[in-house]
Amino acid sequence: MLVIILIKCLKNLNLKLMKIKEIHKDLKKKVNIAEKKRDLRRGQKSWQDLRTLKKLKLNMKDKLAKK
């Protein structure tokens, strides 16, 4: 659920208003939280959420590298 909301926010959010670096930093925090949650919950949903967040974070990192 968290990942779906985050994806919708990123799509609706104008990236010019929020710097890519700030988005990457926010995603990094969310990945750390998801990793801690994954340690406790070993279900498919926690794995899927963590995977999606990591992909989004990597995408932002690639955009940072291009700049």
N, C-alpha and C. Protein backbone atom coordinates (compact mmCIF):
# COMPACT_ATOMS: atom_id res chain seq x y z
N MET A 1 0.83 -1.19 0.00
CA MET A 1 0.00 0.00 0.00
C MET A 1 0.87 1.26 0.00
N LEU A 2 1.90 1.25 0.84
CA LEU A 2 2.82 2.38 0.92
C LEU A 2 3.49 2.64 -0.42
N VAL A 3 3.87 1.58 -1.09
CA VAL A 3 4.55 1.73 -2.38
C VAL A 3 3.61 2.31 -3.43
N ILE A 4 2.37 1.88 -3.43
CA ILE A 4 1.39 2.38 -4.40
C ILE A 4 1.17 3.88 -4.19
N ILE A 5 1.05 4.29 -2.95
CA ILE A 5 0.85 5.70 -2.64
C ILE A 5 2.09 6.50 -3.06
N LEU A 6 3.27 5.95 -2.78
CA LEU A 6 4.51 6.63 -3.14
C LEU A 6 4.64 6.78 -4.64
N ILE A 7 4.31 5.76 -5.40
CA ILE A 7 4.39 5.82 -6.86
C ILE A 7 3.43 6.87 -7.40
N LYS A 8 2.22 6.91 -6.87
CA LYS A 8 1.24 7.91 -7.32
C LYS A 8 1.73 9.31 -7.00
N CYS A 9 2.32 9.49 -5.82
CA CYS A 9 2.83 10.81 -5.44
C CYS A 9 3.96 11.25 -6.36
N LEU A 10 4.85 10.32 -6.69
CA LEU A 10 5.97 10.67 -7.57
C LEU A 10 5.50 11.01 -8.98
N LYS A 11 4.48 10.31 -9.44
CA LYS A 11 3.96 10.60 -10.77
C LYS A 11 3.26 11.96 -10.79
N ASN A 12 2.51 12.26 -9.75
CA ASN A 12 1.77 13.51 -9.70
C ASN A 12 2.66 14.70 -9.32
N LEU A 13 3.74 14.41 -8.65
CA LEU A 13 4.62 15.46 -8.17
C LEU A 13 5.45 16.03 -9.31
N ASN A 14 5.55 17.31 -9.36
CA ASN A 14 6.38 17.95 -10.37
C ASN A 14 7.82 17.89 -9.88
N LEU A 15 8.68 17.17 -10.61
CA LEU A 15 10.05 16.97 -10.16
C LEU A 15 10.83 18.28 -10.10
N LYS A 16 10.35 19.32 -10.80
CA LYS A 16 11.04 20.59 -10.74
C LYS A 16 10.86 21.26 -9.39
N LEU A 17 9.74 20.97 -8.72
CA LEU A 17 9.49 21.57 -7.41
C LEU A 17 10.38 20.93 -6.34
N MET A 18 10.56 19.65 -6.45
CA MET A 18 11.35 18.92 -5.47
C MET A 18 12.58 18.38 -6.16
N LYS A 19 13.71 18.70 -5.68
CA LYS A 19 14.94 18.27 -6.32
C LYS A 19 15.08 16.76 -6.27
N ILE A 20 15.74 16.22 -7.30
CA ILE A 20 15.93 14.78 -7.40
C ILE A 20 16.72 14.26 -6.20
N LYS A 21 17.65 15.06 -5.73
CA LYS A 21 18.44 14.64 -4.57
C LYS A 21 17.57 14.45 -3.34
N GLU A 22 16.61 15.33 -3.15
CA GLU A 22 15.70 15.22 -2.00
C GLU A 22 14.82 13.98 -2.13
N ILE A 23 14.38 13.70 -3.34
CA ILE A 23 13.56 12.51 -3.57
C ILE A 23 14.37 11.26 -3.27
N HIS A 24 15.62 11.25 -3.74
CA HIS A 24 16.50 10.10 -3.49
C HIS A 24 16.72 9.90 -1.99
N LYS A 25 16.93 11.00 -1.28
CA LYS A 25 17.14 10.93 0.17
C LYS A 25 15.91 10.38 0.87
N ASP A 26 14.74 10.83 0.45
CA ASP A 26 13.48 10.35 1.03
C ASP A 26 13.29 8.86 0.74
N LEU A 27 13.59 8.46 -0.49
CA LEU A 27 13.46 7.04 -0.84
C LEU A 27 14.44 6.18 -0.05
N LYS A 28 15.63 6.72 0.19
CA LYS A 28 16.62 5.99 0.97
C LYS A 28 16.11 5.70 2.37
N LYS A 29 15.46 6.71 2.98
CA LYS A 29 14.87 6.52 4.31
C LYS A 29 13.78 5.46 4.27
N LYS A 30 12.94 5.51 3.23
CA LYS A 30 11.84 4.56 3.13
C LYS A 30 12.36 3.14 2.87
N VAL A 31 13.46 3.01 2.13
CA VAL A 31 14.06 1.70 1.90
C VAL A 31 14.59 1.14 3.22
N ASN A 32 15.23 1.97 4.02
CA ASN A 32 15.73 1.51 5.31
C ASN A 32 14.60 1.02 6.21
N ILE A 33 13.49 1.74 6.21
CA ILE A 33 12.33 1.33 7.00
C ILE A 33 11.77 0.01 6.47
N ALA A 34 11.68 -0.11 5.14
CA ALA A 34 11.16 -1.33 4.53
C ALA A 34 12.07 -2.52 4.80
N GLU A 35 13.39 -2.29 4.85
CA GLU A 35 14.31 -3.38 5.16
C GLU A 35 14.13 -3.87 6.60
N LYS A 36 13.90 -2.94 7.51
CA LYS A 36 13.65 -3.33 8.90
C LYS A 36 12.34 -4.10 9.01
N LYS A 37 11.33 -3.65 8.28
CA LYS A 37 10.04 -4.34 8.28
C LYS A 37 10.19 -5.73 7.67
N ARG A 38 11.03 -5.83 6.64
CA ARG A 38 11.26 -7.12 5.97
C ARG A 38 11.92 -8.12 6.90
N ASP A 39 12.78 -7.63 7.81
CA ASP A 39 13.41 -8.52 8.78
C ASP A 39 12.38 -9.19 9.68
N LEU A 40 11.30 -8.46 9.96
CA LEU A 40 10.26 -9.00 10.84
C LEU A 40 9.22 -9.80 10.06
N ARG A 41 8.85 -9.30 8.90
CA ARG A 41 7.81 -9.94 8.09
C ARG A 41 8.44 -10.50 6.83
N ARG A 42 8.32 -11.78 6.64
CA ARG A 42 8.97 -12.44 5.52
C ARG A 42 7.99 -12.82 4.42
N GLY A 43 6.91 -12.10 4.32
CA GLY A 43 5.89 -12.39 3.32
C GLY A 43 6.22 -11.82 1.95
N GLN A 44 5.39 -12.16 1.01
CA GLN A 44 5.58 -11.73 -0.37
C GLN A 44 5.39 -10.22 -0.52
N LYS A 45 4.44 -9.67 0.20
CA LYS A 45 4.15 -8.24 0.07
C LYS A 45 5.32 -7.38 0.56
N SER A 46 5.94 -7.77 1.68
CA SER A 46 7.07 -6.99 2.18
C SER A 46 8.24 -7.06 1.20
N TRP A 47 8.44 -8.21 0.58
CA TRP A 47 9.50 -8.35 -0.42
C TRP A 47 9.20 -7.49 -1.64
N GLN A 48 7.96 -7.49 -2.07
CA GLN A 48 7.55 -6.71 -3.24
C GLN A 48 7.69 -5.21 -2.99
N ASP A 49 7.28 -4.77 -1.81
CA ASP A 49 7.42 -3.35 -1.45
C ASP A 49 8.88 -2.93 -1.43
N LEU A 50 9.72 -3.74 -0.81
CA LEU A 50 11.14 -3.43 -0.73
C LEU A 50 11.77 -3.38 -2.12
N ARG A 51 11.42 -4.31 -2.94
CA ARG A 51 11.96 -4.37 -4.30
C ARG A 51 11.57 -3.13 -5.11
N THR A 52 10.31 -2.74 -5.01
CA THR A 52 9.83 -1.57 -5.75
C THR A 52 10.50 -0.30 -5.26
N LEU A 53 10.64 -0.16 -3.94
CA LEU A 53 11.30 1.02 -3.40
C LEU A 53 12.76 1.10 -3.84
N LYS A 54 13.43 -0.04 -3.85
CA LYS A 54 14.83 -0.06 -4.28
C LYS A 54 14.96 0.32 -5.75
N LYS A 55 14.03 -0.12 -6.57
CA LYS A 55 14.06 0.24 -7.99
C LYS A 55 13.84 1.73 -8.18
N LEU A 56 12.91 2.31 -7.43
CA LEU A 56 12.66 3.74 -7.50
C LEU A 56 13.89 4.53 -7.05
N LYS A 57 14.51 4.06 -5.98
CA LYS A 57 15.71 4.74 -5.46
C LYS A 57 16.84 4.67 -6.48
N LEU A 58 17.02 3.53 -7.11
CA LEU A 58 18.06 3.38 -8.11
C LEU A 58 17.79 4.27 -9.32
N ASN A 59 16.52 4.40 -9.69
CA ASN A 59 16.14 5.28 -10.79
C ASN A 59 16.51 6.73 -10.49
N MET A 60 16.25 7.17 -9.26
CA MET A 60 16.61 8.53 -8.87
C MET A 60 18.12 8.70 -8.82
N LYS A 61 18.83 7.67 -8.41
CA LYS A 61 20.29 7.74 -8.37
C LYS A 61 20.86 7.88 -9.79
N ASP A 62 20.26 7.18 -10.75
CA ASP A 62 20.68 7.30 -12.14
C ASP A 62 20.43 8.70 -12.66
N LYS A 63 19.30 9.29 -12.29
CA LYS A 63 19.00 10.66 -12.71
C LYS A 63 20.00 11.65 -12.10
N LEU A 64 20.41 11.39 -10.87
CA LEU A 64 21.41 12.24 -10.23
C LEU A 64 22.75 12.13 -10.95
N ALA A 65 23.09 10.93 -11.37
CA ALA A 65 24.37 10.71 -12.05
C ALA A 65 24.38 11.41 -13.42
N LYS A 66 23.23 11.49 -14.07
CA LYS A 66 23.15 12.14 -15.37
C LYS A 66 23.36 13.64 -15.25
N LYS A 67 22.91 14.21 -14.12
CA LYS A 67 23.08 15.66 -13.89
C LYS A 67 24.49 15.92 -13.55
